[in-house]
Amino acid sequence: MAKLDELAQYYDTHDMSAEMDSGHWETEPAPPDPMITTSLRLPKSLLDRVRARAAEEDMKTTAWIRVLIESALSEAGRNNIEERVRRLEAAVFRESA
């Protein structure tokens, strides 16, 4: 009998509640920005191209997509007119000081 089967048979036939009552649960704090899962519907041809590009960069497909999204969002902030003016003012006033 395999070791796993032996363990399963043992725990199926023995009461472990006393051991569980004397133990304690260890909890780790949740990460400040936990990853979540979402679903994205893409045409097969597009997903094939995404997978190929991710493989070229030796990345998992989902990680490659996440990098693209993060990059697009950070560039959107750079193209925001208020942000551009703020950066220009900061540069001008830093130069004149």
Foldseek 3Di string as FASTA:
>chain_A
DDPVVVVVVVVVPDDCVVVVVPDDDDDDDDPPDDDDDDDDDDPPVVLVVLCVVCVVVPHHSVVSVVVVVVVVVVVVCCPPPVSVVVVVVVVVVVVVD
